[in-house]
Amino acid sequence: GKAVFGLYASDSIQYGYHKTEAGKQETLTDNTTNGNTLIDFDESVLTEVQINYTVLRDTHMRTGTLKIAGSNTAGYEVDDEFTETSDPGVAFIMDDANGVLQYNTTSTGTDATFKYRITKFA
């Protein structure tokens, strides 16, 4: 059959059933519990995504992949695989009721920079 590719310059690239969203960046506030990221699945149907990310906080760097599966009604499972130079004091969790990726940060006096891109099967 014919291959179809879709390019949405500010949003994503989709080819076949695979979709990669544009990379984004946000700040994770120092000394925060259950802080909301801008990643919101808000789905009542099952979803699966991989989020490739980097966290930079002062001289601490982590690069990894969050694998997330679930829904707002069934709950979410999160697997965080990463490598780091030293612990940046950041942990990711899901708000099961709302489908929002949240974070906890330790108190270091420095915010963290969170860069990521989301990939999934459409």
N, C-alpha and C. Protein backbone atom coordinates (compact mmCIF):
# COMPACT_ATOMS: atom_id res chain seq x y z
N GLY A 1 0.81 -1.18 0.00
CA GLY A 1 0.00 0.00 0.00
C GLY A 1 0.86 1.25 0.00
N LYS A 2 0.22 2.35 -0.05
CA LYS A 2 0.86 3.65 -0.10
C LYS A 2 1.20 4.12 1.32
N ALA A 3 2.41 4.65 1.51
CA ALA A 3 2.80 5.21 2.81
C ALA A 3 2.30 6.64 2.90
N VAL A 4 1.73 6.99 4.04
CA VAL A 4 1.23 8.34 4.25
C VAL A 4 1.97 8.94 5.44
N PHE A 5 2.47 10.16 5.24
CA PHE A 5 3.19 10.87 6.29
C PHE A 5 2.46 12.17 6.57
N GLY A 6 2.40 12.56 7.83
CA GLY A 6 1.80 13.83 8.18
C GLY A 6 2.79 14.67 8.97
N LEU A 7 2.93 15.93 8.59
CA LEU A 7 3.84 16.84 9.29
C LEU A 7 3.05 18.04 9.77
N TYR A 8 3.05 18.25 11.05
CA TYR A 8 2.39 19.39 11.65
C TYR A 8 3.49 20.19 12.33
N ALA A 9 3.99 21.20 11.63
CA ALA A 9 5.24 21.88 11.99
C ALA A 9 5.35 22.28 13.46
N SER A 10 4.30 22.78 14.05
CA SER A 10 4.41 23.24 15.43
C SER A 10 3.99 22.18 16.43
N ASP A 11 3.49 21.03 15.94
CA ASP A 11 2.86 20.08 16.84
C ASP A 11 3.52 18.71 16.83
N SER A 12 3.57 18.05 15.65
CA SER A 12 4.03 16.67 15.64
C SER A 12 4.34 16.18 14.24
N ILE A 13 4.96 15.00 14.21
CA ILE A 13 5.16 14.27 12.97
C ILE A 13 4.49 12.92 13.16
N GLN A 14 3.69 12.52 12.19
CA GLN A 14 3.03 11.23 12.29
C GLN A 14 3.30 10.44 11.02
N TYR A 15 3.74 9.19 11.20
CA TYR A 15 3.94 8.30 10.07
C TYR A 15 3.41 6.93 10.47
N GLY A 16 2.49 6.44 9.64
CA GLY A 16 1.81 5.21 10.01
C GLY A 16 1.07 5.41 11.32
N TYR A 17 1.26 4.48 12.23
CA TYR A 17 0.61 4.59 13.54
C TYR A 17 1.50 5.25 14.59
N HIS A 18 2.65 5.76 14.20
CA HIS A 18 3.61 6.35 15.13
C HIS A 18 3.53 7.87 15.09
N LYS A 19 3.47 8.50 16.25
CA LYS A 19 3.38 9.95 16.35
C LYS A 19 4.45 10.45 17.31
N THR A 20 5.22 11.45 16.88
CA THR A 20 6.22 12.09 17.73
C THR A 20 5.85 13.56 17.86
N GLU A 21 5.64 14.02 19.09
CA GLU A 21 5.30 15.41 19.31
C GLU A 21 6.56 16.27 19.36
N ALA A 22 6.40 17.55 19.12
CA ALA A 22 7.51 18.49 19.16
C ALA A 22 8.12 18.53 20.56
N GLY A 23 9.43 18.70 20.64
CA GLY A 23 10.09 18.80 21.94
C GLY A 23 9.65 20.05 22.68
N LYS A 24 9.61 19.95 23.99
CA LYS A 24 9.17 21.06 24.83
C LYS A 24 10.09 21.21 26.03
N GLN A 25 9.98 22.34 26.69
CA GLN A 25 10.79 22.62 27.88
C GLN A 25 9.92 23.33 28.91
N GLU A 26 10.12 22.96 30.18
CA GLU A 26 9.45 23.66 31.26
C GLU A 26 10.33 23.65 32.51
N THR A 27 9.98 24.49 33.46
CA THR A 27 10.73 24.60 34.71
C THR A 27 10.01 23.82 35.80
N LEU A 28 10.77 23.00 36.54
CA LEU A 28 10.24 22.29 37.71
C LEU A 28 10.71 23.05 38.94
N THR A 29 9.77 23.55 39.70
CA THR A 29 10.07 24.43 40.83
C THR A 29 10.73 23.68 41.99
N ASP A 30 11.73 24.31 42.58
CA ASP A 30 12.47 23.77 43.72
C ASP A 30 11.52 23.49 44.89
N ASN A 31 11.80 22.40 45.63
CA ASN A 31 11.10 22.07 46.86
C ASN A 31 9.57 21.99 46.68
N THR A 32 9.15 21.16 45.73
CA THR A 32 7.73 21.05 45.38
C THR A 32 7.26 19.61 45.52
N THR A 33 6.05 19.44 46.05
CA THR A 33 5.41 18.12 46.14
C THR A 33 4.17 18.13 45.27
N ASN A 34 4.04 17.12 44.42
CA ASN A 34 2.90 16.97 43.51
C ASN A 34 2.69 18.19 42.61
N GLY A 35 3.78 18.74 42.09
CA GLY A 35 3.68 19.84 41.13
C GLY A 35 3.24 19.31 39.77
N ASN A 36 2.39 20.04 39.09
CA ASN A 36 1.90 19.61 37.78
C ASN A 36 2.86 20.03 36.68
N THR A 37 3.18 19.08 35.78
CA THR A 37 3.86 19.44 34.54
C THR A 37 2.78 19.86 33.54
N LEU A 38 3.18 20.23 32.34
CA LEU A 38 2.22 20.58 31.29
C LEU A 38 1.73 19.34 30.54
N ILE A 39 2.19 18.15 30.95
CA ILE A 39 1.81 16.91 30.28
C ILE A 39 0.52 16.39 30.91
N ASP A 40 -0.55 16.42 30.12
CA ASP A 40 -1.88 16.07 30.60
C ASP A 40 -2.54 15.14 29.60
N PHE A 41 -2.71 13.88 29.96
CA PHE A 41 -3.32 12.91 29.05
C PHE A 41 -4.84 12.97 29.11
N ASP A 42 -5.38 13.21 30.31
CA ASP A 42 -6.82 13.41 30.50
C ASP A 42 -7.66 12.48 29.61
N GLU A 43 -7.41 11.21 29.72
CA GLU A 43 -8.08 10.23 28.87
C GLU A 43 -8.87 9.24 29.70
N SER A 44 -10.05 8.93 29.26
CA SER A 44 -10.82 7.86 29.90
C SER A 44 -10.56 6.53 29.20
N VAL A 45 -9.88 6.59 28.04
CA VAL A 45 -9.51 5.37 27.32
C VAL A 45 -8.04 5.09 27.56
N LEU A 46 -7.63 3.86 27.37
CA LEU A 46 -6.24 3.48 27.60
C LEU A 46 -5.31 4.26 26.68
N THR A 47 -4.18 4.68 27.23
CA THR A 47 -3.16 5.38 26.45
C THR A 47 -1.81 4.76 26.76
N GLU A 48 -0.89 4.89 25.84
CA GLU A 48 0.49 4.45 26.06
C GLU A 48 1.40 5.47 25.42
N VAL A 49 2.42 5.89 26.15
CA VAL A 49 3.37 6.88 25.64
C VAL A 49 4.76 6.57 26.17
N GLN A 50 5.74 7.10 25.45
CA GLN A 50 7.11 7.15 25.96
C GLN A 50 7.52 8.61 25.92
N ILE A 51 8.12 9.05 27.01
CA ILE A 51 8.60 10.43 27.09
C ILE A 51 10.10 10.37 27.27
N ASN A 52 10.83 10.77 26.24
CA ASN A 52 12.28 10.89 26.34
C ASN A 52 12.57 12.26 26.95
N TYR A 53 13.41 12.29 27.99
CA TYR A 53 13.59 13.55 28.70
C TYR A 53 15.01 13.76 29.20
N THR A 54 15.28 15.01 29.53
CA THR A 54 16.50 15.40 30.22
C THR A 54 16.11 16.36 31.34
N VAL A 55 16.68 16.16 32.51
CA VAL A 55 16.51 17.08 33.63
C VAL A 55 17.88 17.65 33.96
N LEU A 56 17.97 18.96 34.01
CA LEU A 56 19.21 19.64 34.38
C LEU A 56 18.92 20.53 35.58
N ARG A 57 19.70 20.34 36.64
CA ARG A 57 19.52 21.12 37.86
C ARG A 57 20.90 21.41 38.44
N ASP A 58 21.32 22.65 38.33
CA ASP A 58 22.65 23.06 38.75
C ASP A 58 23.67 22.22 37.97
N THR A 59 24.47 21.40 38.63
CA THR A 59 25.46 20.57 37.92
C THR A 59 24.99 19.11 37.79
N HIS A 60 23.75 18.85 38.13
CA HIS A 60 23.21 17.48 38.10
C HIS A 60 22.39 17.29 36.83
N MET A 61 22.67 16.21 36.09
CA MET A 61 21.94 15.94 34.86
C MET A 61 21.44 14.50 34.82
N ARG A 62 20.21 14.35 34.35
CA ARG A 62 19.61 13.03 34.16
C ARG A 62 19.02 12.98 32.75
N THR A 63 19.20 11.87 32.08
CA THR A 63 18.53 11.63 30.81
C THR A 63 17.83 10.28 30.91
N GLY A 64 16.61 10.22 30.42
CA GLY A 64 15.87 8.98 30.59
C GLY A 64 14.64 8.88 29.74
N THR A 65 13.88 7.83 29.99
CA THR A 65 12.62 7.57 29.30
C THR A 65 11.56 7.18 30.32
N LEU A 66 10.46 7.91 30.30
CA LEU A 66 9.29 7.55 31.09
C LEU A 66 8.36 6.74 30.19
N LYS A 67 8.00 5.55 30.63
CA LYS A 67 7.03 4.73 29.90
C LYS A 67 5.75 4.76 30.72
N ILE A 68 4.67 5.22 30.11
CA ILE A 68 3.41 5.40 30.83
C ILE A 68 2.30 4.67 30.09
N ALA A 69 1.51 3.90 30.83
CA ALA A 69 0.35 3.21 30.26
C ALA A 69 -0.79 3.31 31.25
N GLY A 70 -2.01 3.45 30.72
CA GLY A 70 -3.18 3.48 31.60
C GLY A 70 -4.22 4.47 31.13
N SER A 71 -5.09 4.83 32.06
CA SER A 71 -6.16 5.80 31.79
C SER A 71 -6.60 6.41 33.12
N ASN A 72 -7.44 7.45 33.01
CA ASN A 72 -7.94 8.10 34.23
C ASN A 72 -8.84 7.16 35.03
N THR A 73 -9.52 6.25 34.35
CA THR A 73 -10.43 5.34 35.05
C THR A 73 -9.72 4.10 35.58
N ALA A 74 -8.70 3.62 34.87
CA ALA A 74 -7.99 2.40 35.28
C ALA A 74 -6.74 2.70 36.11
N GLY A 75 -6.30 3.95 36.12
CA GLY A 75 -5.05 4.30 36.78
C GLY A 75 -3.90 4.18 35.80
N TYR A 76 -2.73 4.66 36.18
CA TYR A 76 -1.56 4.66 35.30
C TYR A 76 -0.41 3.92 35.95
N GLU A 77 0.40 3.30 35.11
CA GLU A 77 1.66 2.70 35.53
C GLU A 77 2.78 3.52 34.89
N VAL A 78 3.81 3.81 35.67
CA VAL A 78 4.93 4.62 35.18
C VAL A 78 6.23 3.86 35.44
N ASP A 79 7.05 3.74 34.39
CA ASP A 79 8.38 3.14 34.50
C ASP A 79 9.37 4.21 34.09
N ASP A 80 10.27 4.58 34.98
CA ASP A 80 11.26 5.63 34.72
C ASP A 80 12.64 5.01 34.65
N GLU A 81 13.19 4.90 33.44
CA GLU A 81 14.53 4.37 33.24
C GLU A 81 15.44 5.53 32.90
N PHE A 82 16.56 5.68 33.64
CA PHE A 82 17.41 6.84 33.41
C PHE A 82 18.86 6.58 33.76
N THR A 83 19.71 7.50 33.29
CA THR A 83 21.11 7.56 33.65
C THR A 83 21.38 9.00 34.09
N GLU A 84 22.20 9.17 35.11
CA GLU A 84 22.44 10.53 35.61
C GLU A 84 23.88 10.70 36.05
N THR A 85 24.34 11.96 35.99
CA THR A 85 25.68 12.27 36.48
C THR A 85 25.68 12.25 38.00
N SER A 86 24.62 12.79 38.58
CA SER A 86 24.33 12.73 40.01
C SER A 86 22.86 13.07 40.17
N ASP A 87 22.27 12.68 41.29
CA ASP A 87 20.84 12.80 41.50
C ASP A 87 20.39 14.27 41.50
N PRO A 88 19.52 14.65 40.55
CA PRO A 88 19.03 16.03 40.53
C PRO A 88 17.90 16.30 41.53
N GLY A 89 17.46 15.26 42.24
CA GLY A 89 16.42 15.45 43.24
C GLY A 89 15.04 15.66 42.63
N VAL A 90 14.75 14.95 41.54
CA VAL A 90 13.46 15.06 40.85
C VAL A 90 12.87 13.66 40.70
N ALA A 91 11.59 13.51 41.02
CA ALA A 91 10.88 12.24 40.83
C ALA A 91 9.56 12.54 40.12
N PHE A 92 9.17 11.65 39.20
CA PHE A 92 7.93 11.82 38.45
C PHE A 92 6.88 10.82 38.92
N ILE A 93 5.63 11.27 38.99
CA ILE A 93 4.49 10.45 39.39
C ILE A 93 3.29 10.86 38.53
N MET A 94 2.27 10.02 38.49
CA MET A 94 1.05 10.35 37.76
C MET A 94 -0.08 10.67 38.72
N ASP A 95 -0.86 11.68 38.40
CA ASP A 95 -2.11 11.95 39.08
C ASP A 95 -3.15 11.10 38.36
N ASP A 96 -3.46 9.94 38.93
CA ASP A 96 -4.34 8.97 38.27
C ASP A 96 -5.72 9.53 37.94
N ALA A 97 -6.26 10.38 38.79
CA ALA A 97 -7.61 10.89 38.58
C ALA A 97 -7.69 11.86 37.41
N ASN A 98 -6.61 12.60 37.16
CA ASN A 98 -6.64 13.64 36.14
C ASN A 98 -5.72 13.39 34.96
N GLY A 99 -4.89 12.36 35.00
CA GLY A 99 -4.00 12.06 33.89
C GLY A 99 -2.87 13.05 33.69
N VAL A 100 -2.46 13.72 34.77
CA VAL A 100 -1.40 14.72 34.69
C VAL A 100 -0.11 14.14 35.24
N LEU A 101 1.00 14.31 34.50
CA LEU A 101 2.30 13.93 35.01
C LEU A 101 2.73 14.97 36.03
N GLN A 102 3.04 14.51 37.23
CA GLN A 102 3.45 15.40 38.31
C GLN A 102 4.90 15.13 38.69
N TYR A 103 5.46 16.03 39.49
CA TYR A 103 6.84 15.88 39.94
C TYR A 103 6.97 16.27 41.40
N ASN A 104 7.98 15.69 42.02
CA ASN A 104 8.42 16.08 43.36
C ASN A 104 9.87 16.50 43.22
N THR A 105 10.24 17.61 43.86
CA THR A 105 11.63 18.05 43.86
C THR A 105 12.10 18.29 45.29
N THR A 106 13.36 17.99 45.53
CA THR A 106 13.95 18.26 46.83
C THR A 106 14.29 19.74 46.93
N SER A 107 14.68 20.16 48.12
CA SER A 107 15.05 21.56 48.34
C SER A 107 16.55 21.74 48.15
N THR A 108 16.91 22.41 47.06
CA THR A 108 18.33 22.71 46.80
C THR A 108 18.55 24.20 46.59
N GLY A 109 17.45 24.96 46.44
CA GLY A 109 17.56 26.38 46.14
C GLY A 109 17.61 26.65 44.65
N THR A 110 17.53 25.59 43.82
CA THR A 110 17.61 25.74 42.37
C THR A 110 16.47 24.98 41.70
N ASP A 111 15.77 25.66 40.78
CA ASP A 111 14.76 25.00 39.97
C ASP A 111 15.44 24.05 38.98
N ALA A 112 14.68 23.12 38.42
CA ALA A 112 15.21 22.19 37.42
C ALA A 112 14.61 22.52 36.05
N THR A 113 15.39 22.29 35.01
CA THR A 113 14.91 22.43 33.63
C THR A 113 14.57 21.04 33.12
N PHE A 114 13.35 20.88 32.62
CA PHE A 114 12.82 19.61 32.14
C PHE A 114 12.55 19.76 30.64
N LYS A 115 13.35 19.05 29.81
CA LYS A 115 13.16 19.04 28.36
C LYS A 115 12.67 17.66 27.97
N TYR A 116 11.69 17.60 27.07
CA TYR A 116 11.11 16.30 26.74
C TYR A 116 10.46 16.30 25.36
N ARG A 117 10.24 15.07 24.86
CA ARG A 117 9.42 14.86 23.68
C ARG A 117 8.61 13.59 23.94
N ILE A 118 7.39 13.59 23.43
CA ILE A 118 6.46 12.48 23.65
C ILE A 118 6.30 11.69 22.35
N THR A 119 6.41 10.37 22.43
CA THR A 119 6.14 9.52 21.28
C THR A 119 5.06 8.49 21.67
N LYS A 120 4.22 8.15 20.70
CA LYS A 120 3.16 7.18 20.97
C LYS A 120 2.67 6.61 19.66
N PHE A 121 1.89 5.54 19.77
CA PHE A 121 1.23 4.98 18.61
C PHE A 121 -0.14 5.61 18.51
N ALA A 122 -0.46 6.14 17.34
CA ALA A 122 -1.72 6.85 17.13
C ALA A 122 -2.83 5.90 16.73
